[in-house]
């Protein structure tokens, strides 16, 4: 029985050095950083992150697109991308990183981290009231793999956890809300909002003043808090600042931004109630993510079904 030919791989990324990805993928596949000529029929697979628009259209025999990051909106932004299967990255360490980040930021808001940091600067010895975790409601927007893992971790600590998703989801111990009709009741019951939604045409700019003003205003923390570790396009930063100044939002932890890197002149950097991290909540580690991609390529060539496929209609 003959062994199927191993397809070539295009690695097309911007924003970071691709060398580590190239080294790992090229151990098992022939990898190129640019197509050969205006059309390259030798490429079967593309591994991409914010690739140059139009480059995938130069691959007439492209069979599968693999996204290096959890988000795939960067692929849909290329209106010339071929209509082939898109595989989103799923790896235990990526999920663990996100779970750690969400837990860290929820606990910091819950345990009055910003208050103590400000008191330390002023050398103030004062213990504010600390509500127990079971009095605080954490609401997670997006109950995919990342959101579900974070929800379970927060439940284990003792928080009351709500979840909102586009369609009904059943997660043990989590009070579920879904669809447009479920959004306002979900927000009204939330003290700490965690945003882990995919970025689609429907979710673009969803974290706006209207949404933030519907968070629970009379909760035990003295005001609601926001954590966005999803995608920068989900939020309107001018509305977050407006909500902070109006008092409908107490604090925010932001890992993603409308434009990245965050501009030096952005008021978010110096706002006393905003905690900024540089899109570092869950780093795509090639040592953990490249092997599953290679395994999927091998399985695909054996005639097996691809896993973790993106629903093009839903956008994620």
C-alpha atoms as a PDB file:
ATOM      1  CA  UNK A   1       0.000   0.000   0.000  1.00  0.00           C
ATOM      2  CA  UNK A   2       1.492   3.344  -1.014  1.00  0.00           C
ATOM      3  CA  UNK A   3       2.059   6.142   1.515  1.00  0.00           C
ATOM      4  CA  UNK A   4       0.114   9.328   0.681  1.00  0.00           C
ATOM      5  CA  UNK A   5       2.205  12.284  -0.416  1.00  0.00           C
ATOM      6  CA  UNK A   6       2.838  14.744   2.394  1.00  0.00           C
ATOM      7  CA  UNK A   7       1.530  18.175   1.408  1.00  0.00           C
ATOM      8  CA  UNK A   8       3.619  21.311   1.622  1.00  0.00           C
ATOM      9  CA  UNK A   9       2.814  24.017   4.174  1.00  0.00           C
ATOM     10  CA  UNK A  10       2.703  27.782   3.821  1.00  0.00           C
ATOM     11  CA  UNK A  11       3.529  29.570   7.104  1.00  0.00           C
ATOM     12  CA  UNK A  12       2.210  33.122   6.818  1.00  0.00           C
ATOM     13  CA  UNK A  13       2.252  35.262   9.964  1.00  0.00           C
ATOM     14  CA  UNK A  14       2.728  38.914  10.889  1.00  0.00           C
ATOM     15  CA  UNK A  15       3.395  40.533  14.247  1.00  0.00           C
ATOM     16  CA  UNK A  16       6.081  38.127  15.472  1.00  0.00           C
ATOM     17  CA  UNK A  17       9.104  36.137  14.352  1.00  0.00           C
ATOM     18  CA  UNK A  18       7.907  32.897  12.707  1.00  0.00           C
ATOM     19  CA  UNK A  19      11.210  31.058  13.176  1.00  0.00           C
ATOM     20  CA  UNK A  20      10.117  28.830  16.078  1.00  0.00           C
ATOM     21  CA  UNK A  21       6.968  27.792  14.182  1.00  0.00           C
ATOM     22  CA  UNK A  22       9.037  27.168  11.056  1.00  0.00           C
ATOM     23  CA  UNK A  23      11.542  24.993  12.954  1.00  0.00           C
ATOM     24  CA  UNK A  24       8.841  22.793  14.505  1.00  0.00           C
ATOM     25  CA  UNK A  25       6.655  22.392  11.428  1.00  0.00           C
ATOM     26  CA  UNK A  26       9.596  21.722   9.112  1.00  0.00           C
ATOM     27  CA  UNK A  27      10.649  18.711  11.166  1.00  0.00           C
ATOM     28  CA  UNK A  28       7.853  16.785   9.452  1.00  0.00           C
ATOM     29  CA  UNK A  29       6.774  18.901   6.473  1.00  0.00           C
ATOM     30  CA  UNK A  30       8.272  21.059   3.786  1.00  0.00           C
ATOM     31  CA  UNK A  31       7.463  24.612   4.903  1.00  0.00           C
ATOM     32  CA  UNK A  32       7.680  27.842   2.920  1.00  0.00           C
ATOM     33  CA  UNK A  33       7.172  31.446   4.003  1.00  0.00           C
ATOM     34  CA  UNK A  34       6.027  32.682   0.593  1.00  0.00           C
ATOM     35  CA  UNK A  35       4.244  30.989  -2.327  1.00  0.00           C
ATOM     36  CA  UNK A  36       6.302  30.275  -5.403  1.00  0.00           C
ATOM     37  CA  UNK A  37       5.178  32.765  -8.049  1.00  0.00           C
ATOM     38  CA  UNK A  38       1.759  34.267  -8.550  1.00  0.00           C
ATOM     39  CA  UNK A  39       0.213  30.801  -8.136  1.00  0.00           C
ATOM     40  CA  UNK A  40       1.643  27.896  -6.172  1.00  0.00           C
ATOM     41  CA  UNK A  41      -0.267  24.624  -6.688  1.00  0.00           C
ATOM     42  CA  UNK A  42       2.184  22.715  -4.470  1.00  0.00           C
ATOM     43  CA  UNK A  43       0.780  24.096  -1.192  1.00  0.00           C
ATOM     44  CA  UNK A  44      -1.832  21.946   0.566  1.00  0.00           C
ATOM     45  CA  UNK A  45      -1.950  23.619   4.002  1.00  0.00           C
ATOM     46  CA  UNK A  46      -1.654  27.152   5.349  1.00  0.00           C
ATOM     47  CA  UNK A  47      -0.703  27.957   8.952  1.00  0.00           C
ATOM     48  CA  UNK A  48      -1.569  31.604   9.487  1.00  0.00           C
ATOM     49  CA  UNK A  49      -1.873  34.523  11.878  1.00  0.00           C
ATOM     50  CA  UNK A  50      -2.895  37.871  10.420  1.00  0.00           C
ATOM     51  CA  UNK A  51      -1.507  36.798   7.049  1.00  0.00           C
ATOM     52  CA  UNK A  52      -1.063  39.222   4.193  1.00  0.00           C
ATOM     53  CA  UNK A  53      -4.443  39.661   2.461  1.00  0.00           C
ATOM     54  CA  UNK A  54      -4.613  37.824  -0.851  1.00  0.00           C
ATOM     55  CA  UNK A  55      -1.746  35.420  -0.203  1.00  0.00           C
ATOM     56  CA  UNK A  56      -4.079  32.442   0.267  1.00  0.00           C
ATOM     57  CA  UNK A  57      -5.795  33.183  -3.049  1.00  0.00           C
ATOM     58  CA  UNK A  58      -2.495  32.293  -4.721  1.00  0.00           C
ATOM     59  CA  UNK A  59      -2.830  28.656  -3.571  1.00  0.00           C
ATOM     60  CA  UNK A  60      -5.184  26.886  -6.023  1.00  0.00           C
ATOM     61  CA  UNK A  61      -4.825  23.478  -4.320  1.00  0.00           C
ATOM     62  CA  UNK A  62      -5.110  24.682  -0.720  1.00  0.00           C
ATOM     63  CA  UNK A  63      -7.002  22.098   1.347  1.00  0.00           C
ATOM     64  CA  UNK A  64      -6.987  23.364   4.959  1.00  0.00           C
ATOM     65  CA  UNK A  65      -6.229  26.613   6.819  1.00  0.00           C
ATOM     66  CA  UNK A  66      -4.896  26.384  10.384  1.00  0.00           C
ATOM     67  CA  UNK A  67      -5.102  29.419  12.687  1.00  0.00           C
ATOM     68  CA  UNK A  68      -2.187  29.893  15.073  1.00  0.00           C
ATOM     69  CA  UNK A  69      -4.352  31.803  17.573  1.00  0.00           C
ATOM     70  CA  UNK A  70      -7.695  31.006  19.151  1.00  0.00           C
ATOM     71  CA  UNK A  71      -9.401  33.699  17.101  1.00  0.00           C
ATOM     72  CA  UNK A  72     -10.178  33.285  13.393  1.00  0.00           C
ATOM     73  CA  UNK A  73     -11.545  36.748  12.579  1.00  0.00           C
ATOM     74  CA  UNK A  74      -8.191  37.572  10.974  1.00  0.00           C
ATOM     75  CA  UNK A  75      -8.917  34.882   8.361  1.00  0.00           C
ATOM     76  CA  UNK A  76     -12.426  36.144   7.626  1.00  0.00           C
ATOM     77  CA  UNK A  77     -10.982  39.653   7.239  1.00  0.00           C
ATOM     78  CA  UNK A  78      -9.345  38.406   4.016  1.00  0.00           C
ATOM     79  CA  UNK A  79     -12.185  38.442   1.491  1.00  0.00           C
ATOM     80  CA  UNK A  80      -9.973  36.604  -1.020  1.00  0.00           C
ATOM     81  CA  UNK A  81      -9.358  33.587   1.230  1.00  0.00           C
ATOM     82  CA  UNK A  82     -10.426  30.307  -0.442  1.00  0.00           C
ATOM     83  CA  UNK A  83     -13.535  28.520   0.806  1.00  0.00           C
ATOM     84  CA  UNK A  84     -11.706  25.602   2.423  1.00  0.00           C
ATOM     85  CA  UNK A  85     -11.968  24.143   5.955  1.00  0.00           C
ATOM     86  CA  UNK A  86     -10.565  26.317   8.742  1.00  0.00           C
ATOM     87  CA  UNK A  87      -9.208  24.630  11.872  1.00  0.00           C
ATOM     88  CA  UNK A  88      -9.039  26.640  15.080  1.00  0.00           C
ATOM     89  CA  UNK A  89      -6.308  25.959  17.586  1.00  0.00           C
ATOM     90  CA  UNK A  90      -7.230  23.933  20.652  1.00  0.00           C
ATOM     91  CA  UNK A  91      -4.524  22.969  23.143  1.00  0.00           C
ATOM     92  CA  UNK A  92      -4.571  22.165  26.842  1.00  0.00           C
ATOM     93  CA  UNK A  93      -1.859  24.680  27.704  1.00  0.00           C
ATOM     94  CA  UNK A  94      -3.664  27.502  25.885  1.00  0.00           C
ATOM     95  CA  UNK A  95      -6.828  26.708  27.830  1.00  0.00           C
ATOM     96  CA  UNK A  96      -4.842  26.536  31.075  1.00  0.00           C
ATOM     97  CA  UNK A  97      -3.190  29.913  30.439  1.00  0.00           C
ATOM     98  CA  UNK A  98      -6.571  31.543  29.863  1.00  0.00           C
ATOM     99  CA  UNK A  99      -8.043  29.895  32.930  1.00  0.00           C
ATOM    100  CA  UNK A 100      -5.144  31.223  35.022  1.00  0.00           C
ATOM    101  CA  UNK A 101      -5.558  34.746  33.648  1.00  0.00           C
ATOM    102  CA  UNK A 102      -9.302  34.872  34.226  1.00  0.00           C
ATOM    103  CA  UNK A 103      -8.975  33.448  37.746  1.00  0.00           C
ATOM    104  CA  UNK A 104      -6.183  35.922  38.575  1.00  0.00           C
ATOM    105  CA  UNK A 105      -8.129  38.950  37.398  1.00  0.00           C
ATOM    106  CA  UNK A 106     -11.408  37.854  39.002  1.00  0.00           C
ATOM    107  CA  UNK A 107      -9.640  37.327  42.334  1.00  0.00           C
ATOM    108  CA  UNK A 108      -7.858  40.672  42.068  1.00  0.00           C
ATOM    109  CA  UNK A 109     -11.136  42.523  41.529  1.00  0.00           C
ATOM    110  CA  UNK A 110     -12.847  40.453  44.204  1.00  0.00           C
ATOM    111  CA  UNK A 111     -10.092  40.918  46.814  1.00  0.00           C
ATOM    112  CA  UNK A 112      -9.848  44.693  46.250  1.00  0.00           C
ATOM    113  CA  UNK A 113      -6.428  44.594  44.594  1.00  0.00           C
ATOM    114  CA  UNK A 114      -6.597  48.137  43.225  1.00  0.00           C
ATOM    115  CA  UNK A 115      -7.653  49.502  46.636  1.00  0.00           C
ATOM    116  CA  UNK A 116      -4.691  47.918  48.396  1.00  0.00           C
ATOM    117  CA  UNK A 117      -2.233  49.058  45.717  1.00  0.00           C
ATOM    118  CA  UNK A 118      -3.473  52.626  46.057  1.00  0.00           C
ATOM    119  CA  UNK A 119      -3.334  52.404  49.849  1.00  0.00           C
ATOM    120  CA  UNK A 120       0.237  51.147  49.692  1.00  0.00           C
ATOM    121  CA  UNK A 121       1.304  54.223  47.723  1.00  0.00           C
ATOM    122  CA  UNK A 122      -0.283  56.457  50.391  1.00  0.00           C
ATOM    123  CA  UNK A 123       0.894  54.224  53.286  1.00  0.00           C
ATOM    124  CA  UNK A 124      -2.669  53.731  54.492  1.00  0.00           C
ATOM    125  CA  UNK A 125      -3.415  50.852  56.877  1.00  0.00           C
ATOM    126  CA  UNK A 126      -7.090  50.105  56.325  1.00  0.00           C
ATOM    127  CA  UNK A 127      -9.007  46.895  55.692  1.00  0.00           C
ATOM    128  CA  UNK A 128     -12.091  47.403  53.489  1.00  0.00           C
ATOM    129  CA  UNK A 129     -15.012  45.022  53.783  1.00  0.00           C
ATOM    130  CA  UNK A 130     -14.351  41.805  51.902  1.00  0.00           C
ATOM    131  CA  UNK A 131     -17.457  39.903  50.734  1.00  0.00           C
ATOM    132  CA  UNK A 132     -17.131  36.112  50.464  1.00  0.00           C
ATOM    133  CA  UNK A 133     -16.916  34.595  47.003  1.00  0.00           C
ATOM    134  CA  UNK A 134     -20.381  33.088  47.189  1.00  0.00           C
ATOM    135  CA  UNK A 135     -21.872  36.587  47.396  1.00  0.00           C
ATOM    136  CA  UNK A 136     -20.170  37.632  44.153  1.00  0.00           C
ATOM    137  CA  UNK A 137     -21.571  36.710  40.749  1.00  0.00           C
ATOM    138  CA  UNK A 138     -19.137  36.224  37.861  1.00  0.00           C
ATOM    139  CA  UNK A 139     -20.720  36.321  34.412  1.00  0.00           C
ATOM    140  CA  UNK A 140     -18.863  34.737  31.502  1.00  0.00           C
ATOM    141  CA  UNK A 141     -19.801  35.766  27.967  1.00  0.00           C
ATOM    142  CA  UNK A 142     -18.783  32.872  25.747  1.00  0.00           C
ATOM    143  CA  UNK A 143     -19.028  29.278  26.968  1.00  0.00           C
ATOM    144  CA  UNK A 144     -16.687  27.569  24.537  1.00  0.00           C
ATOM    145  CA  UNK A 145     -13.729  25.532  25.737  1.00  0.00           C
ATOM    146  CA  UNK A 146     -12.008  28.537  27.338  1.00  0.00           C
ATOM    147  CA  UNK A 147     -15.118  29.909  29.013  1.00  0.00           C
ATOM    148  CA  UNK A 148     -16.236  26.527  30.308  1.00  0.00           C
ATOM    149  CA  UNK A 149     -12.834  25.797  31.843  1.00  0.00           C
ATOM    150  CA  UNK A 150     -12.751  29.206  33.538  1.00  0.00           C
ATOM    151  CA  UNK A 151     -16.313  28.767  34.810  1.00  0.00           C
ATOM    152  CA  UNK A 152     -15.442  25.461  36.462  1.00  0.00           C
ATOM    153  CA  UNK A 153     -12.342  26.936  38.108  1.00  0.00           C
ATOM    154  CA  UNK A 154     -14.297  29.885  39.507  1.00  0.00           C
ATOM    155  CA  UNK A 155     -17.064  27.603  40.755  1.00  0.00           C
ATOM    156  CA  UNK A 156     -14.426  25.536  42.597  1.00  0.00           C
ATOM    157  CA  UNK A 157     -13.270  28.677  44.428  1.00  0.00           C
ATOM    158  CA  UNK A 158     -16.839  29.380  45.483  1.00  0.00           C
ATOM    159  CA  UNK A 159     -18.089  32.102  43.145  1.00  0.00           C
ATOM    160  CA  UNK A 160     -21.605  32.116  41.785  1.00  0.00           C
ATOM    161  CA  UNK A 161     -21.129  31.788  38.016  1.00  0.00           C
ATOM    162  CA  UNK A 162     -23.481  32.800  35.204  1.00  0.00           C
ATOM    163  CA  UNK A 163     -22.855  32.081  31.549  1.00  0.00           C
ATOM    164  CA  UNK A 164     -24.153  33.704  28.371  1.00  0.00           C
ATOM    165  CA  UNK A 165     -23.854  32.242  24.896  1.00  0.00           C
ATOM    166  CA  UNK A 166     -25.470  32.590  21.487  1.00  0.00           C
ATOM    167  CA  UNK A 167     -27.197  29.224  21.823  1.00  0.00           C
ATOM    168  CA  UNK A 168     -28.104  27.234  24.964  1.00  0.00           C
ATOM    169  CA  UNK A 169     -25.165  25.642  26.790  1.00  0.00           C
ATOM    170  CA  UNK A 170     -25.343  23.273  29.739  1.00  0.00           C
ATOM    171  CA  UNK A 171     -22.378  23.624  32.105  1.00  0.00           C
ATOM    172  CA  UNK A 172     -22.668  21.982  35.522  1.00  0.00           C
ATOM    173  CA  UNK A 173     -23.002  24.530  38.318  1.00  0.00           C
ATOM    174  CA  UNK A 174     -23.375  27.462  35.918  1.00  0.00           C
ATOM    175  CA  UNK A 175     -26.628  29.371  35.506  1.00  0.00           C
ATOM    176  CA  UNK A 176     -27.117  29.626  31.768  1.00  0.00           C
ATOM    177  CA  UNK A 177     -28.515  32.471  29.663  1.00  0.00           C
ATOM    178  CA  UNK A 178     -28.585  32.625  25.880  1.00  0.00           C
ATOM    179  CA  UNK A 179     -29.583  34.741  22.923  1.00  0.00           C
ATOM    180  CA  UNK A 180     -30.701  38.344  22.804  1.00  0.00           C
ATOM    181  CA  UNK A 181     -33.562  37.713  25.238  1.00  0.00           C
ATOM    182  CA  UNK A 182     -31.160  36.323  27.842  1.00  0.00           C
ATOM    183  CA  UNK A 183     -28.543  39.082  27.640  1.00  0.00           C
ATOM    184  CA  UNK A 184     -30.108  41.729  29.889  1.00  0.00           C
ATOM    185  CA  UNK A 185     -31.100  39.271  32.669  1.00  0.00           C
ATOM    186  CA  UNK A 186     -27.548  37.867  32.504  1.00  0.00           C
ATOM    187  CA  UNK A 187     -25.984  41.328  32.831  1.00  0.00           C
ATOM    188  CA  UNK A 188     -28.368  42.377  35.609  1.00  0.00           C
ATOM    189  CA  UNK A 189     -27.154  39.393  37.645  1.00  0.00           C
ATOM    190  CA  UNK A 190     -23.406  39.958  37.066  1.00  0.00           C
ATOM    191  CA  UNK A 191     -20.843  41.670  39.331  1.00  0.00           C
ATOM    192  CA  UNK A 192     -17.685  40.712  37.417  1.00  0.00           C
ATOM    193  CA  UNK A 193     -18.106  40.366  33.645  1.00  0.00           C
ATOM    194  CA  UNK A 194     -15.610  38.115  31.818  1.00  0.00           C
ATOM    195  CA  UNK A 195     -15.678  38.448  28.015  1.00  0.00           C
ATOM    196  CA  UNK A 196     -14.384  35.438  26.053  1.00  0.00           C
ATOM    197  CA  UNK A 197     -16.534  35.730  22.930  1.00  0.00           C
ATOM    198  CA  UNK A 198     -15.275  35.172  19.396  1.00  0.00           C
ATOM    199  CA  UNK A 199     -15.177  38.268  17.209  1.00  0.00           C
ATOM    200  CA  UNK A 200     -17.880  38.165  14.531  1.00  0.00           C
ATOM    201  CA  UNK A 201     -20.046  40.677  12.715  1.00  0.00           C
ATOM    202  CA  UNK A 202     -22.635  40.193  15.475  1.00  0.00           C
ATOM    203  CA  UNK A 203     -20.265  40.578  18.447  1.00  0.00           C
ATOM    204  CA  UNK A 204     -18.178  43.459  17.085  1.00  0.00           C
ATOM    205  CA  UNK A 205     -18.383  46.345  19.587  1.00  0.00           C
ATOM    206  CA  UNK A 206     -20.741  44.437  21.883  1.00  0.00           C
ATOM    207  CA  UNK A 207     -18.940  45.681  25.014  1.00  0.00           C
ATOM    208  CA  UNK A 208     -20.332  49.210  24.817  1.00  0.00           C
ATOM    209  CA  UNK A 209     -21.892  51.683  27.223  1.00  0.00           C
ATOM    210  CA  UNK A 210     -25.358  50.183  26.860  1.00  0.00           C
ATOM    211  CA  UNK A 211     -24.103  46.733  27.822  1.00  0.00           C
ATOM    212  CA  UNK A 212     -21.941  47.944  30.713  1.00  0.00           C
ATOM    213  CA  UNK A 213     -24.763  50.048  32.163  1.00  0.00           C
ATOM    214  CA  UNK A 214     -26.883  46.902  32.509  1.00  0.00           C
ATOM    215  CA  UNK A 215     -24.433  45.188  34.871  1.00  0.00           C
ATOM    216  CA  UNK A 216     -25.555  44.848  38.501  1.00  0.00           C
ATOM    217  CA  UNK A 217     -25.016  48.221  40.156  1.00  0.00           C
ATOM    218  CA  UNK A 218     -25.864  47.302  43.768  1.00  0.00           C
ATOM    219  CA  UNK A 219     -23.603  44.251  44.180  1.00  0.00           C
ATOM    220  CA  UNK A 220     -21.224  43.515  47.068  1.00  0.00           C
ATOM    221  CA  UNK A 221     -18.109  44.933  45.348  1.00  0.00           C
ATOM    222  CA  UNK A 222     -19.400  48.510  45.223  1.00  0.00           C
ATOM    223  CA  UNK A 223     -19.775  48.388  41.448  1.00  0.00           C
ATOM    224  CA  UNK A 224     -19.313  45.988  38.541  1.00  0.00           C
ATOM    225  CA  UNK A 225     -15.961  45.049  36.993  1.00  0.00           C
ATOM    226  CA  UNK A 226     -15.018  44.124  33.425  1.00  0.00           C
ATOM    227  CA  UNK A 227     -12.440  41.596  32.200  1.00  0.00           C
ATOM    228  CA  UNK A 228     -11.903  41.290  28.435  1.00  0.00           C
ATOM    229  CA  UNK A 229      -9.516  38.538  27.366  1.00  0.00           C
ATOM    230  CA  UNK A 230     -11.380  37.734  24.144  1.00  0.00           C
ATOM    231  CA  UNK A 231     -10.769  40.035  21.171  1.00  0.00           C
ATOM    232  CA  UNK A 232     -10.126  43.778  21.071  1.00  0.00           C
ATOM    233  CA  UNK A 233     -12.829  44.327  18.458  1.00  0.00           C
ATOM    234  CA  UNK A 234     -15.453  43.230  20.976  1.00  0.00           C
ATOM    235  CA  UNK A 235     -15.057  46.437  22.960  1.00  0.00           C
ATOM    236  CA  UNK A 236     -15.514  50.152  22.416  1.00  0.00           C
ATOM    237  CA  UNK A 237     -12.792  51.720  24.519  1.00  0.00           C
ATOM    238  CA  UNK A 238     -14.363  55.171  24.528  1.00  0.00           C
ATOM    239  CA  UNK A 239     -17.473  53.582  26.078  1.00  0.00           C
ATOM    240  CA  UNK A 240     -15.423  51.751  28.721  1.00  0.00           C
ATOM    241  CA  UNK A 241     -13.845  55.070  29.754  1.00  0.00           C
ATOM    242  CA  UNK A 242     -17.275  56.712  29.751  1.00  0.00           C
ATOM    243  CA  UNK A 243     -18.680  53.939  31.967  1.00  0.00           C
ATOM    244  CA  UNK A 244     -15.769  54.287  34.407  1.00  0.00           C
ATOM    245  CA  UNK A 245     -16.233  58.046  34.647  1.00  0.00           C
ATOM    246  CA  UNK A 246     -20.010  57.734  35.005  1.00  0.00           C
ATOM    247  CA  UNK A 247     -19.625  55.223  37.817  1.00  0.00           C
ATOM    248  CA  UNK A 248     -21.546  52.422  36.121  1.00  0.00           C
ATOM    249  CA  UNK A 249     -18.266  50.462  35.912  1.00  0.00           C
ATOM    250  CA  UNK A 250     -15.939  50.214  38.907  1.00  0.00           C
ATOM    251  CA  UNK A 251     -12.816  48.711  37.310  1.00  0.00           C
ATOM    252  CA  UNK A 252     -11.583  46.996  34.167  1.00  0.00           C
ATOM    253  CA  UNK A 253      -8.884  44.455  33.295  1.00  0.00           C
ATOM    254  CA  UNK A 254      -8.120  44.598  29.574  1.00  0.00           C
ATOM    255  CA  UNK A 255      -5.810  42.205  27.746  1.00  0.00           C
ATOM    256  CA  UNK A 256      -7.009  43.052  24.224  1.00  0.00           C
ATOM    257  CA  UNK A 257      -7.593  46.337  22.430  1.00  0.00           C
ATOM    258  CA  UNK A 258      -9.222  47.796  19.352  1.00  0.00           C
ATOM    259  CA  UNK A 259      -5.759  48.575  17.941  1.00  0.00           C
ATOM    260  CA  UNK A 260      -2.672  46.701  19.033  1.00  0.00           C
ATOM    261  CA  UNK A 261      -0.163  47.517  20.348  1.00  0.00           C
ATOM    262  CA  UNK A 262      -2.111  49.945  22.502  1.00  0.00           C
ATOM    263  CA  UNK A 263      -1.071  53.470  21.495  1.00  0.00           C
ATOM    264  CA  UNK A 264       1.164  55.293  24.025  1.00  0.00           C
ATOM    265  CA  UNK A 265      -1.301  58.183  24.127  1.00  0.00           C
ATOM    266  CA  UNK A 266      -4.255  55.957  25.093  1.00  0.00           C
ATOM    267  CA  UNK A 267      -5.777  57.088  28.424  1.00  0.00           C
ATOM    268  CA  UNK A 268      -6.220  53.420  29.335  1.00  0.00           C
ATOM    269  CA  UNK A 269      -2.505  53.177  30.212  1.00  0.00           C
ATOM    270  CA  UNK A 270      -2.739  55.669  33.053  1.00  0.00           C
ATOM    271  CA  UNK A 271      -6.324  55.260  34.202  1.00  0.00           C
ATOM    272  CA  UNK A 272      -6.226  54.387  37.931  1.00  0.00           C
ATOM    273  CA  UNK A 273      -8.999  51.805  37.609  1.00  0.00           C
ATOM    274  CA  UNK A 274      -7.790  50.014  34.465  1.00  0.00           C
ATOM    275  CA  UNK A 275      -5.342  47.114  34.509  1.00  0.00           C
ATOM    276  CA  UNK A 276      -3.570  46.624  31.159  1.00  0.00           C
ATOM    277  CA  UNK A 277      -1.776  43.515  29.858  1.00  0.00           C
ATOM    278  CA  UNK A 278      -0.333  43.250  26.313  1.00  0.00           C
ATOM    279  CA  UNK A 279      -2.533  40.518  24.796  1.00  0.00           C
ATOM    280  CA  UNK A 280      -0.724  38.048  27.020  1.00  0.00           C
ATOM    281  CA  UNK A 281      -3.591  36.166  28.692  1.00  0.00           C
ATOM    282  CA  UNK A 282      -3.006  33.010  26.659  1.00  0.00           C
ATOM    283  CA  UNK A 283       0.142  32.951  24.548  1.00  0.00           C
ATOM    284  CA  UNK A 284       0.204  30.631  21.538  1.00  0.00           C
ATOM    285  CA  UNK A 285       3.168  28.389  22.368  1.00  0.00           C
ATOM    286  CA  UNK A 286       4.349  26.667  19.171  1.00  0.00           C
ATOM    287  CA  UNK A 287       5.828  23.757  21.139  1.00  0.00           C
ATOM    288  CA  UNK A 288       2.292  22.804  22.204  1.00  0.00           C
ATOM    289  CA  UNK A 289       0.341  23.934  19.149  1.00  0.00           C
ATOM    290  CA  UNK A 290       2.452  22.773  16.191  1.00  0.00           C
ATOM    291  CA  UNK A 291       2.253  19.009  16.962  1.00  0.00           C
ATOM    292  CA  UNK A 292      -1.588  18.878  16.912  1.00  0.00           C
ATOM    293  CA  UNK A 293      -1.557  20.697  13.555  1.00  0.00           C
ATOM    294  CA  UNK A 294       0.879  18.198  12.101  1.00  0.00           C
ATOM    295  CA  UNK A 295      -1.190  15.319  13.490  1.00  0.00           C
ATOM    296  CA  UNK A 296      -4.318  16.747  11.832  1.00  0.00           C
ATOM    297  CA  UNK A 297      -2.499  17.024   8.501  1.00  0.00           C
ATOM    298  CA  UNK A 298      -1.440  13.374   8.751  1.00  0.00           C
ATOM    299  CA  UNK A 299      -4.950  12.284   9.712  1.00  0.00           C
ATOM    300  CA  UNK A 300      -6.501  14.304   6.884  1.00  0.00           C
ATOM    301  CA  UNK A 301      -4.220  12.594   4.367  1.00  0.00           C
ATOM    302  CA  UNK A 302      -5.348   9.229   5.755  1.00  0.00           C
ATOM    303  CA  UNK A 303      -8.923  10.237   4.994  1.00  0.00           C
ATOM    304  CA  UNK A 304      -9.933  11.049   8.568  1.00  0.00           C
ATOM    305  CA  UNK A 305     -12.195  13.942   9.521  1.00  0.00           C
ATOM    306  CA  UNK A 306     -10.720  17.228  10.700  1.00  0.00           C
ATOM    307  CA  UNK A 307     -11.296  18.296  14.312  1.00  0.00           C
ATOM    308  CA  UNK A 308     -12.066  21.741  15.764  1.00  0.00           C
ATOM    309  CA  UNK A 309     -13.506  23.041  12.517  1.00  0.00           C
ATOM    310  CA  UNK A 310     -14.748  26.621  12.303  1.00  0.00           C
ATOM    311  CA  UNK A 311     -18.398  27.147  11.453  1.00  0.00           C
ATOM    312  CA  UNK A 312     -18.204  29.680   8.642  1.00  0.00           C
ATOM    313  CA  UNK A 313     -21.830  30.722   9.089  1.00  0.00           C
ATOM    314  CA  UNK A 314     -21.346  31.448  12.802  1.00  0.00           C
ATOM    315  CA  UNK A 315     -17.874  32.965  12.264  1.00  0.00           C
ATOM    316  CA  UNK A 316     -16.100  30.807  14.851  1.00  0.00           C
END
